[in-house]
């Protein structure tokens, strides 16, 4: 008798385990998530930057558009300007942004001594705030001249409003007088400013001048320090509010190099230095 061939039996396929399904589902969620792509893009951007700037200091990052290195740990940045920068297009200044670094504030030169008014002050003082940039006026101090007269001249020139940064006195040299004489006139200046504006003015100076002639005498005043192209600021963090770390920045809307500054603190601390 012919033998009947048996039909081959098919093995039953086992279904995908619940654990594997969960793993696949989780992986798909990660791959489809915008946060994942953001992380990948950030990682790729960092890798690209490292390849192109392998010698960068760990405390700095080079910003191509600004053409300078900027300290990494600060989030609020600004510039200071005078007649030297010429006519500024503040709309272009405000629009400039590279990886979150943008111009938040600007210190603007107003006066010098007892007679000098910066020819671009009124225009800069008017146009910068229109773009949402916080402004502060500064006076270039001359120790040979009366501090009180200089303060009155400065206050007659500027018009401080609510929301502006505190007034600034820029003191950089002895101008041939003794340190005691310089401090006598500077004291008269800051006292007059404080009496009229009800706030302590910001004192600006170079690091060495500050350490030699000012540090022990003006501990209660906000300090803005100039210290260029250094790996880090050699000054206690509690001793300063602004750091002018470069004098060679390139800013859209400005035809000359500009001083670039970092603020030492967050947005709440920054607000404490505004006129209320």
Protein backbone atom coordinates (compact mmCIF):
# COMPACT_ATOMS: atom_id res chain seq x y z
CA UNK A 1 0.00 0.00 0.00
CA UNK A 2 1.23 3.45 -0.79
CA UNK A 3 2.42 5.32 2.24
CA UNK A 4 0.73 8.64 2.90
CA UNK A 5 3.13 11.47 3.35
CA UNK A 6 2.68 13.44 6.47
CA UNK A 7 2.28 17.14 6.12
CA UNK A 8 5.15 18.94 7.79
CA UNK A 9 4.08 20.50 11.02
CA UNK A 10 4.81 24.19 11.49
CA UNK A 11 6.35 25.31 14.68
CA UNK A 12 4.36 27.94 16.44
CA UNK A 13 6.20 31.26 16.57
CA UNK A 14 6.53 32.71 19.94
CA UNK A 15 5.17 36.24 20.27
CA UNK A 16 7.40 39.20 21.17
CA UNK A 17 7.83 39.35 24.89
CA UNK A 18 6.24 42.16 26.84
CA UNK A 19 9.66 43.33 28.00
CA UNK A 20 10.96 43.57 24.42
CA UNK A 21 7.85 45.45 23.30
CA UNK A 22 8.35 47.94 26.12
CA UNK A 23 12.02 48.37 25.20
CA UNK A 24 11.16 49.02 21.53
CA UNK A 25 8.40 51.44 22.50
CA UNK A 26 10.78 53.33 24.80
CA UNK A 27 13.45 53.51 22.11
CA UNK A 28 10.97 54.88 19.59
CA UNK A 29 9.86 57.53 22.05
CA UNK A 30 13.47 58.60 22.57
CA UNK A 31 14.27 58.67 18.85
CA UNK A 32 11.15 60.64 18.01
CA UNK A 33 11.57 63.08 20.87
CA UNK A 34 12.64 66.66 19.99
CA UNK A 35 14.81 66.62 23.13
CA UNK A 36 16.80 63.74 21.68
CA UNK A 37 17.47 65.61 18.46
CA UNK A 38 18.31 68.72 20.44
CA UNK A 39 20.83 66.73 22.45
CA UNK A 40 22.34 65.19 19.30
CA UNK A 41 22.60 68.59 17.62
CA UNK A 42 24.19 70.09 20.71
CA UNK A 43 26.67 67.23 20.93
CA UNK A 44 27.50 67.56 17.24
CA UNK A 45 27.90 71.32 17.58
CA UNK A 46 30.22 70.89 20.56
CA UNK A 47 32.29 68.32 18.69
CA UNK A 48 32.54 70.60 15.64
CA UNK A 49 33.59 73.51 17.82
CA UNK A 50 36.24 71.46 19.62
CA UNK A 51 37.75 70.31 16.32
CA UNK A 52 38.00 73.91 15.09
CA UNK A 53 39.21 75.36 18.43
CA UNK A 54 41.33 72.64 20.07
CA UNK A 55 43.52 75.14 21.94
CA UNK A 56 40.72 77.10 23.65
CA UNK A 57 41.14 77.65 27.39
CA UNK A 58 38.66 75.71 29.54
CA UNK A 59 37.35 79.00 30.97
CA UNK A 60 36.63 80.56 27.57
CA UNK A 61 34.89 79.90 24.30
CA UNK A 62 35.67 81.61 21.01
CA UNK A 63 32.67 83.31 19.38
CA UNK A 64 33.19 83.74 15.65
CA UNK A 65 30.73 86.60 15.17
CA UNK A 66 32.17 88.66 18.05
CA UNK A 67 35.73 87.67 17.08
CA UNK A 68 36.79 87.28 20.71
CA UNK A 69 36.93 84.70 23.47
CA UNK A 70 34.20 85.11 26.09
CA UNK A 71 34.25 83.64 29.62
CA UNK A 72 31.92 80.65 29.78
CA UNK A 73 30.37 80.97 33.23
CA UNK A 74 28.52 84.29 32.70
CA UNK A 75 25.08 84.67 31.13
CA UNK A 76 24.64 88.47 30.97
CA UNK A 77 26.86 90.42 28.57
CA UNK A 78 27.24 94.02 27.49
CA UNK A 79 29.43 96.69 25.92
CA UNK A 80 30.64 100.19 26.71
CA UNK A 81 30.89 102.91 24.08
CA UNK A 82 31.98 106.50 23.50
CA UNK A 83 32.56 108.85 20.57
CA UNK A 84 35.30 106.45 19.46
CA UNK A 85 32.70 103.98 18.14
CA UNK A 86 31.06 106.67 16.00
CA UNK A 87 27.42 106.45 14.93
CA UNK A 88 25.94 103.18 16.18
CA UNK A 89 23.05 101.21 14.68
CA UNK A 90 21.54 100.01 17.95
CA UNK A 91 18.93 97.86 16.21
CA UNK A 92 21.73 95.72 14.73
CA UNK A 93 23.48 95.64 18.10
CA UNK A 94 20.36 94.28 19.77
CA UNK A 95 19.72 91.71 17.04
CA UNK A 96 23.18 90.16 17.34
CA UNK A 97 23.08 86.74 18.99
CA UNK A 98 25.46 83.80 18.87
CA UNK A 99 24.45 80.72 20.81
CA UNK A 100 22.61 82.79 23.43
CA UNK A 101 25.29 85.45 23.88
CA UNK A 102 23.71 88.85 23.18
CA UNK A 103 24.04 92.46 24.27
CA UNK A 104 21.90 93.05 27.37
CA UNK A 105 23.41 96.31 28.61
CA UNK A 106 25.58 99.22 27.49
CA UNK A 107 27.60 101.71 29.49
CA UNK A 108 27.72 105.02 27.58
CA UNK A 109 30.28 107.78 28.10
CA UNK A 110 28.63 111.06 29.04
CA UNK A 111 31.24 113.47 30.41
CA UNK A 112 34.89 114.01 31.30
CA UNK A 113 36.36 116.41 33.84
CA UNK A 114 34.31 119.58 34.29
CA UNK A 115 33.79 120.59 30.65
CA UNK A 116 33.92 117.60 28.30
CA UNK A 117 30.68 116.14 26.93
CA UNK A 118 30.88 113.11 24.66
CA UNK A 119 29.46 114.22 21.27
CA UNK A 120 27.59 110.92 20.77
CA UNK A 121 26.21 110.63 24.30
CA UNK A 122 22.72 112.05 23.73
CA UNK A 123 22.16 109.97 20.61
CA UNK A 124 23.38 106.73 22.25
CA UNK A 125 21.43 107.48 25.45
CA UNK A 126 18.26 107.96 23.40
CA UNK A 127 18.58 105.15 20.84
CA UNK A 128 19.94 102.19 22.85
CA UNK A 129 16.95 101.97 25.27
CA UNK A 130 14.56 101.97 22.30
CA UNK A 131 15.93 98.52 21.47
CA UNK A 132 15.48 97.21 25.02
CA UNK A 133 19.14 97.58 25.99
CA UNK A 134 19.72 98.61 29.60
CA UNK A 135 21.94 101.69 29.74
CA UNK A 136 24.22 103.30 32.29
CA UNK A 137 26.05 106.63 31.90
CA UNK A 138 29.69 107.02 32.89
CA UNK A 139 31.92 109.98 33.76
CA UNK A 140 35.67 109.95 33.07
CA UNK A 141 37.12 111.28 36.30
CA UNK A 142 40.03 113.74 36.48
CA UNK A 143 41.66 113.74 39.97
CA UNK A 144 43.12 117.25 39.46
CA UNK A 145 39.62 118.73 39.21
CA UNK A 146 37.03 119.22 41.96
CA UNK A 147 35.13 115.99 42.54
CA UNK A 148 31.97 117.88 43.51
CA UNK A 149 32.07 120.04 40.38
CA UNK A 150 32.58 116.97 38.23
CA UNK A 151 29.61 115.24 39.86
CA UNK A 152 27.34 118.26 39.30
CA UNK A 153 28.49 118.56 35.68
CA UNK A 154 27.82 114.85 35.12
CA UNK A 155 24.34 115.02 36.68
CA UNK A 156 23.43 118.11 34.62
CA UNK A 157 24.31 116.22 31.43
CA UNK A 158 22.57 112.91 32.03
CA UNK A 159 18.92 112.17 32.70
CA UNK A 160 18.68 109.05 34.85
CA UNK A 161 15.35 107.22 34.74
CA UNK A 162 13.81 104.23 36.44
CA UNK A 163 15.23 101.04 34.96
CA UNK A 164 18.62 102.54 34.02
CA UNK A 165 21.84 101.16 35.41
CA UNK A 166 23.47 103.12 38.20
CA UNK A 167 25.79 105.99 37.24
CA UNK A 168 29.46 105.10 36.82
CA UNK A 169 32.67 106.94 37.67
CA UNK A 170 35.65 105.88 35.55
CA UNK A 171 38.93 106.42 37.46
CA UNK A 172 42.07 105.11 35.76
CA UNK A 173 45.04 107.24 36.84
CA UNK A 174 46.34 109.67 39.45
CA UNK A 175 46.87 112.40 36.84
CA UNK A 176 49.92 113.63 38.71
CA UNK A 177 48.31 114.04 42.14
CA UNK A 178 48.88 111.99 45.28
CA UNK A 179 46.71 108.96 46.05
CA UNK A 180 45.22 110.83 49.03
CA UNK A 181 44.29 113.81 46.85
CA UNK A 182 42.76 111.50 44.25
CA UNK A 183 40.63 109.79 46.91
CA UNK A 184 39.58 113.12 48.43
CA UNK A 185 38.14 114.30 45.12
CA UNK A 186 36.70 110.87 44.31
CA UNK A 187 34.97 110.82 47.70
CA UNK A 188 33.40 114.20 46.94
CA UNK A 189 32.20 112.87 43.60
CA UNK A 190 30.60 109.65 44.84
CA UNK A 191 28.99 111.35 47.85
CA UNK A 192 27.37 113.98 45.63
CA UNK A 193 26.11 111.32 43.18
CA UNK A 194 24.73 109.24 46.03
CA UNK A 195 22.94 112.21 47.59
CA UNK A 196 21.29 113.20 44.32
CA UNK A 197 20.41 109.77 42.92
CA UNK A 198 19.93 107.82 46.20
CA UNK A 199 22.12 104.97 44.93
CA UNK A 200 25.80 104.16 45.26
CA UNK A 201 27.53 104.73 41.91
CA UNK A 202 29.54 102.00 40.21
CA UNK A 203 33.32 102.52 40.26
CA UNK A 204 35.27 101.48 37.16
CA UNK A 205 39.03 100.98 37.06
CA UNK A 206 41.80 98.69 35.90
CA UNK A 207 42.60 95.77 38.15
CA UNK A 208 46.04 96.99 39.28
CA UNK A 209 44.88 100.57 39.93
CA UNK A 210 41.94 99.25 41.93
CA UNK A 211 44.09 96.92 44.02
CA UNK A 212 46.72 99.62 44.65
CA UNK A 213 44.60 102.69 45.37
CA UNK A 214 40.91 101.83 45.79
CA UNK A 215 40.22 98.35 47.14
CA UNK A 216 40.57 99.13 50.85
CA UNK A 217 38.58 102.37 50.65
CA UNK A 218 35.51 101.58 48.53
CA UNK A 219 34.35 98.14 49.60
CA UNK A 220 30.70 99.25 49.75
CA UNK A 221 30.57 100.35 46.11
CA UNK A 222 29.85 98.09 43.10
CA UNK A 223 33.09 97.60 41.18
CA UNK A 224 33.52 97.26 37.39
CA UNK A 225 36.99 95.95 36.60
CA UNK A 226 39.07 96.12 33.42
CA UNK A 227 41.33 93.10 33.00
CA UNK A 228 41.89 92.06 29.39
CA UNK A 229 42.54 88.73 27.70
CA UNK A 230 43.20 86.77 30.89
CA UNK A 231 42.31 83.09 31.53
CA UNK A 232 40.29 84.22 34.53
CA UNK A 233 39.81 87.29 36.69
CA UNK A 234 42.28 87.30 39.59
CA UNK A 235 39.88 88.91 42.01
CA UNK A 236 37.53 87.52 44.63
CA UNK A 237 34.09 86.94 43.12
CA UNK A 238 32.42 89.03 45.83
CA UNK A 239 34.57 92.07 45.01
CA UNK A 240 33.21 92.91 41.55
CA UNK A 241 30.01 93.18 39.50
CA UNK A 242 31.20 93.77 35.93
CA UNK A 243 34.30 92.50 34.11
CA UNK A 244 35.58 94.30 31.02
CA UNK A 245 37.49 91.30 29.67
CA UNK A 246 38.15 92.36 26.07
CA UNK A 247 38.71 95.58 24.15
CA UNK A 248 38.60 94.02 20.69
CA UNK A 249 35.02 92.78 20.18
CA UNK A 250 33.29 93.20 16.84
CA UNK A 251 29.61 94.08 17.09
CA UNK A 252 27.09 94.37 14.26
CA UNK A 253 26.09 98.00 13.77
CA UNK A 254 29.41 99.36 15.12
CA UNK A 255 32.29 100.15 12.79
CA UNK A 256 35.08 100.02 15.40
CA UNK A 257 36.22 97.50 18.00
CA UNK A 258 34.30 97.61 21.27
CA UNK A 259 34.95 96.77 24.92
CA UNK A 260 33.05 93.63 25.95
CA UNK A 261 31.81 93.00 29.49
CA UNK A 262 30.36 90.18 31.57
CA UNK A 263 28.07 90.64 34.57
CA UNK A 264 28.87 88.64 37.70
CA UNK A 265 25.46 87.25 38.64
CA UNK A 266 22.01 86.25 37.45
CA UNK A 267 19.09 88.36 36.21
CA UNK A 268 17.79 89.02 39.74
CA UNK A 269 21.18 90.28 40.87
CA UNK A 270 21.42 92.41 37.75
CA UNK A 271 18.10 94.09 38.59
CA UNK A 272 19.51 95.17 41.94
CA UNK A 273 21.91 97.48 40.09
CA UNK A 274 19.09 99.27 38.26
CA UNK A 275 17.53 102.56 39.36
CA UNK A 276 14.20 101.79 41.05
